[in-house]
Amino acid sequence: MDTDCQKIKKEDQDKAFLFLELFLFIDNIGSVRPHLEIHVSCSHFLFVFYVDPLLVKAAKGHPVSRPPAWMMRQAGRYMAVYRKLAEKHPSFRERSETTDLIVQISLQPWEAFHPDGVIIFSDILTPLPAFGVPFDIEEVRGPVIQSPIRSEEGLKALHHIDLEKLQFVGDSLKILRKEVGEHAAVLGFVGAPWTIATYIVEGGTTRTYTTIKSMCHTAPHVLRTLLSHLTQAIADYIIYQVESGAHCIQIFDSWGGQLPPHMWEQWSEPYIREIVSLVRTKCPETPIVLYINGNGGFLERMKGTGVDVIGLDWTVDMADGRKRLGNDISVQGNVDPACLFSPLPALTDEIQRVVKCAGSRGHILNLGHGVLVGTPEEAVAHFFEVGKSMKYDNSSQNHVFEESKLVV
């Protein structure tokens, strides 16, 4: 570096300190993520500010102008364009493990409805082969694991997650991040250890969960070892997704609700809490959402995992959920997916009710479960249009709903 360039003029120093104070102030309120670059060689101070997407702001509990909205399973069979693509590529594994197809399917709802979150088209079982658990998906039976793990001998098949085998996930997230830019949050997701374990132990889907529930008593050491291995693998997978471009991660403990609450505290909560802790060390700014299907009896316990957002299913009243959880954590949900089959004015009323009950800080508008097959696409479009028509009055923390100019 030249000697002349090492000297910064007094006025430049004053400007630098002024901007540094602004930098720290903005970082403190959290509405944007500032990144500071100082080019001493040119006696210039270049400040670059990266704005968090609306969904990320809401997830962190920061003030937003309206509720951001996305839908679980927003890419899928209810869309005609997806069904047409599935005819050409009938294998779900191919669709969810081929970069070009993942990106194309993930962007279908973005191009049609412009939600505030674009979630990668994948599956919670996708990472299993990367740590030693091969699986197939049969048209009638669904996921099938030929060698269920129910003993110490079965545990020998497990190994550290090989992220190179999941490169199609990383590549897809990078492309999605580039395609969407900062206009929406790119969402990654994983299954919780208990939920993943149900497939590995039962050998596929089940309605009773008798085998894995029995293991809690007959082979607890085997189940704990399996859950611990899954915890590390899932944490590594989350970090990989974030480093590949995901703004936000959702953990699906889909079958956690099949446990009695006291058993969930023993067999699911500690492992989710450990995942959150591991991810925080590498990705402290990445919001984490936790969703359990049938979570009415778990809300307070879910909060104890340390996640940023609790997803509510439609069986929980949003106002009651807010009261139980408090205002120091964000919530997501929770319009009944069946409402999208109702007349559009009724859907409008339900969306407004949920948003009003959730409050004007820390709410992500979503369904209480995934989009149902057969859902009218016009209803999905209407869902997002209504959500975008709402505005918060942040000065009074009350809601002011703009009259919809849409033709309903």
Foldseek 3Di string as FASTA:
>chain_A
DDPVLQDADPVLVVVVVVVVVVQVVCVVLPQWHKDWDQDSSVNDTDIDIGGAQQQLCLLQFHFDWFFFEDAACLQDQQDPVNVVVCVVVVAPCCQAQAQVNQLVRQCPCCVVAVGQERETPHDQCVQVVQFQFDWGQDPPQGIFGPQADDDPVSCVRGDAGDCVSRVSLLVNQLVNCVVCPNNHFYEYEHEFLVQNNLCRHVRHDDDQSVRVVVCVPVPVVSLVVSNQRVLNNVLVVVLSNVVSHGQEYEYEPACLLVDDQVVCLVRTLVSLLSSVVSNCVRCVSHAYEYEYQNCPVCLVVVVVSVGQEYEAEPVDQLLVSCVVNDSRHAYEDAAALCCLVPPLVSVLVSQVNNRQSRFRTNYHYYHNHGRDRNRNPVSVSSSSLQSVQWTAPVVVSHTDGDPDPDDD
